[in-house]
Structures are given as C-alpha cells and as structure tokens.
Amino acid sequence: MIIVNQNKDEFVNFENVMCVNITDCQEDGFLISAGFIVGRDDNYRELGYYKTEARAKEVKKEIRTAYSNFSYFKNATKEGKDYIINLLKHKYEQFDIYEMPKE
C-alpha cells in the first residue's frame, strides 16, 4: 500500500514502514510520521499535521484500517476480492493508495 503525504509531494511504501507515530509539535499541531530503516539508520517521513491529538489518532486508525483492508484484499480469492469491492466501493477508490486527509 502507498501512503501519499498531506502535501501530495511525497509517498511512502507502507510495506517498508516499521512504525507510525504521533508527535505533539506544540503550535504546529500533532504530526503523524512513518518510521522505517534504511541500512543502519532510522528514517522518518512526515505524513501530515492535525490540530488535535484526537484527529491525529483518528487518521492513524484510518491508516491501520486501510492497510488491513489492503492486506486482506491482496491475499483474497477472486470471489473474495469481488465481495470486498462491492462492499467497500462507496468508501475507497483504490485499495492500494491511502491519501492523508488535509484536516
């Protein structure tokens, strides 16, 4: 699954992500970032900022749900995929891309 950041100028392959964090950035709001390892180094990519911690937690939960749906879809049979598409087509345009909401 691909996550497109809030500014729509970068994307992250979620298969490489080790963790998703929420950080209180005081006046800038709450940052959601994705952490992964490249070589020996930890790297983080900013995914989006939200005014409240509650909203950041909602978005983080949306990411988890989207990845769960993607993983299930990726491994489903043809019949299972058809069922999932019919069930969720009103909510998701694609199962393999999650775009961070503006707010």
C-alpha atoms as a PDB file:
ATOM      1  CA  MET A   1       0.000   0.000   0.000  1.00  0.00           C
ATOM      2  CA  ILE A   2       1.161   3.521  -0.770  1.00  0.00           C
ATOM      3  CA  ILE A   3       0.539   6.458   1.579  1.00  0.00           C
ATOM      4  CA  VAL A   4       0.523   9.889  -0.077  1.00  0.00           C
ATOM      5  CA  ASN A   5       1.532  12.623   2.371  1.00  0.00           C
ATOM      6  CA  GLN A   6      -0.688  15.564   3.216  1.00  0.00           C
ATOM      7  CA  ASN A   7       1.135  17.936   0.843  1.00  0.00           C
ATOM      8  CA  LYS A   8       0.804  15.413  -2.009  1.00  0.00           C
ATOM      9  CA  ASP A   9       4.517  15.802  -2.804  1.00  0.00           C
ATOM     10  CA  GLU A  10       5.825  12.507  -1.413  1.00  0.00           C
ATOM     11  CA  PHE A  11       4.629   8.968  -0.917  1.00  0.00           C
ATOM     12  CA  VAL A  12       5.728   6.095   1.291  1.00  0.00           C
ATOM     13  CA  ASN A  13       5.517   2.383   0.549  1.00  0.00           C
ATOM     14  CA  PHE A  14       3.787   1.089   3.676  1.00  0.00           C
ATOM     15  CA  GLU A  15       5.377  -2.345   3.200  1.00  0.00           C
ATOM     16  CA  ASN A  16       8.655  -0.738   4.362  1.00  0.00           C
ATOM     17  CA  VAL A  17       7.200   1.110   7.369  1.00  0.00           C
ATOM     18  CA  MET A  18       8.108  -0.166  10.812  1.00  0.00           C
ATOM     19  CA  CYS A  19       6.021   2.269  12.861  1.00  0.00           C
ATOM     20  CA  VAL A  20       3.603   5.190  12.624  1.00  0.00           C
ATOM     21  CA  ASN A  21       3.986   7.827  15.338  1.00  0.00           C
ATOM     22  CA  ILE A  22       2.060  10.823  16.592  1.00  0.00           C
ATOM     23  CA  THR A  23       4.223  13.656  17.936  1.00  0.00           C
ATOM     24  CA  ASP A  24       2.996  16.772  19.757  1.00  0.00           C
ATOM     25  CA  CYS A  25       4.611  19.664  17.881  1.00  0.00           C
ATOM     26  CA  GLN A  26       3.083  22.336  20.140  1.00  0.00           C
ATOM     27  CA  GLU A  27       1.814  25.220  17.986  1.00  0.00           C
ATOM     28  CA  ASP A  28       2.149  23.243  14.738  1.00  0.00           C
ATOM     29  CA  GLY A  29      -0.297  20.597  15.966  1.00  0.00           C
ATOM     30  CA  PHE A  30       0.194  16.838  16.022  1.00  0.00           C
ATOM     31  CA  LEU A  31       2.466  15.236  13.446  1.00  0.00           C
ATOM     32  CA  ILE A  32       1.867  11.765  12.058  1.00  0.00           C
ATOM     33  CA  SER A  33       5.103  10.276  10.755  1.00  0.00           C
ATOM     34  CA  ALA A  34       6.155   6.929   9.343  1.00  0.00           C
ATOM     35  CA  GLY A  35       9.387   5.324  10.509  1.00  0.00           C
ATOM     36  CA  PHE A  36      11.490   2.826   8.606  1.00  0.00           C
ATOM     37  CA  ILE A  37      15.072   1.619   8.422  1.00  0.00           C
ATOM     38  CA  VAL A  38      17.434   2.280   5.551  1.00  0.00           C
ATOM     39  CA  GLY A  39      20.715   0.464   6.059  1.00  0.00           C
ATOM     40  CA  ARG A  40      21.611   1.089   9.685  1.00  0.00           C
ATOM     41  CA  ASP A  41      19.757   4.371  10.025  1.00  0.00           C
ATOM     42  CA  ASP A  42      16.256   5.125  11.232  1.00  0.00           C
ATOM     43  CA  ASN A  43      14.361   7.435   8.918  1.00  0.00           C
ATOM     44  CA  TYR A  44      11.058   9.193   9.381  1.00  0.00           C
ATOM     45  CA  ARG A  45       8.785  10.778   6.829  1.00  0.00           C
ATOM     46  CA  GLU A  46       6.211  13.383   7.762  1.00  0.00           C
ATOM     47  CA  LEU A  47       2.785  12.279   6.616  1.00  0.00           C
ATOM     48  CA  GLY A  48       0.593  15.090   7.952  1.00  0.00           C
ATOM     49  CA  TYR A  49      -0.220  17.571  10.712  1.00  0.00           C
ATOM     50  CA  TYR A  50      -3.513  17.773  12.580  1.00  0.00           C
ATOM     51  CA  LYS A  51      -4.776  20.399  15.019  1.00  0.00           C
ATOM     52  CA  THR A  52      -5.807  17.977  17.739  1.00  0.00           C
ATOM     53  CA  GLU A  53      -4.443  14.738  19.099  1.00  0.00           C
ATOM     54  CA  ALA A  54      -7.898  13.188  18.738  1.00  0.00           C
ATOM     55  CA  ARG A  55      -7.931  13.906  14.994  1.00  0.00           C
ATOM     56  CA  ALA A  56      -4.382  12.562  14.602  1.00  0.00           C
ATOM     57  CA  LYS A  57      -5.468   9.352  16.331  1.00  0.00           C
ATOM     58  CA  GLU A  58      -8.486   9.057  14.004  1.00  0.00           C
ATOM     59  CA  VAL A  59      -6.256   9.406  10.945  1.00  0.00           C
ATOM     60  CA  LYS A  60      -3.786   6.881  12.344  1.00  0.00           C
ATOM     61  CA  LYS A  61      -6.689   4.467  12.825  1.00  0.00           C
ATOM     62  CA  GLU A  62      -7.795   5.102   9.216  1.00  0.00           C
ATOM     63  CA  ILE A  63      -4.294   4.161   8.044  1.00  0.00           C
ATOM     64  CA  ARG A  64      -4.428   0.948  10.069  1.00  0.00           C
ATOM     65  CA  THR A  65      -7.860   0.083   8.667  1.00  0.00           C
ATOM     66  CA  ALA A  66      -6.794   0.879   5.101  1.00  0.00           C
ATOM     67  CA  TYR A  67      -3.715  -1.335   5.453  1.00  0.00           C
ATOM     68  CA  SER A  68      -5.785  -4.133   6.957  1.00  0.00           C
ATOM     69  CA  ASN A  69      -8.252  -3.912   4.042  1.00  0.00           C
ATOM     70  CA  PHE A  70      -5.372  -3.816   1.559  1.00  0.00           C
ATOM     71  CA  SER A  71      -3.674  -6.845   3.112  1.00  0.00           C
ATOM     72  CA  TYR A  72      -6.903  -8.823   3.145  1.00  0.00           C
ATOM     73  CA  PHE A  73      -7.703  -7.791  -0.436  1.00  0.00           C
ATOM     74  CA  LYS A  74      -4.207  -8.639  -1.659  1.00  0.00           C
ATOM     75  CA  ASN A  75      -4.489 -12.191  -0.331  1.00  0.00           C
ATOM     76  CA  ALA A  76      -8.166 -12.832  -1.127  1.00  0.00           C
ATOM     77  CA  THR A  77      -9.540 -15.176  -3.753  1.00  0.00           C
ATOM     78  CA  LYS A  78     -11.238 -13.728  -6.838  1.00  0.00           C
ATOM     79  CA  GLU A  79     -14.629 -14.207  -5.169  1.00  0.00           C
ATOM     80  CA  GLY A  80     -13.347 -12.562  -2.003  1.00  0.00           C
ATOM     81  CA  LYS A  81     -11.980  -9.597  -3.981  1.00  0.00           C
ATOM     82  CA  ASP A  82     -15.307  -9.157  -5.795  1.00  0.00           C
ATOM     83  CA  TYR A  83     -17.133  -9.204  -2.463  1.00  0.00           C
ATOM     84  CA  ILE A  84     -14.765  -6.642  -0.910  1.00  0.00           C
ATOM     85  CA  ILE A  85     -15.020  -4.343  -3.943  1.00  0.00           C
ATOM     86  CA  ASN A  86     -18.821  -4.402  -3.817  1.00  0.00           C
ATOM     87  CA  LEU A  87     -18.851  -3.904  -0.059  1.00  0.00           C
ATOM     88  CA  LEU A  88     -16.360  -1.026   0.097  1.00  0.00           C
ATOM     89  CA  LYS A  89     -16.507   0.638  -3.317  1.00  0.00           C
ATOM     90  CA  HIS A  90     -18.524   3.548  -1.929  1.00  0.00           C
ATOM     91  CA  LYS A  91     -15.731   4.354   0.539  1.00  0.00           C
ATOM     92  CA  TYR A  92     -12.478   3.603  -1.281  1.00  0.00           C
ATOM     93  CA  GLU A  93     -11.461   4.415  -4.825  1.00  0.00           C
ATOM     94  CA  GLN A  94      -8.417   2.169  -4.540  1.00  0.00           C
ATOM     95  CA  PHE A  95      -7.235  -0.359  -2.013  1.00  0.00           C
ATOM     96  CA  ASP A  96      -3.545   0.237  -2.633  1.00  0.00           C
ATOM     97  CA  ILE A  97      -3.316   4.016  -2.048  1.00  0.00           C
ATOM     98  CA  TYR A  98      -4.162   5.998   1.091  1.00  0.00           C
ATOM     99  CA  GLU A  99      -4.076   9.800   0.822  1.00  0.00           C
ATOM    100  CA  MET A 100      -3.571  11.700   4.059  1.00  0.00           C
ATOM    101  CA  PRO A 101      -6.576  13.982   4.704  1.00  0.00           C
ATOM    102  CA  LYS A 102      -5.976  17.739   4.828  1.00  0.00           C
ATOM    103  CA  GLU A 103      -7.666  18.030   8.230  1.00  0.00           C
END
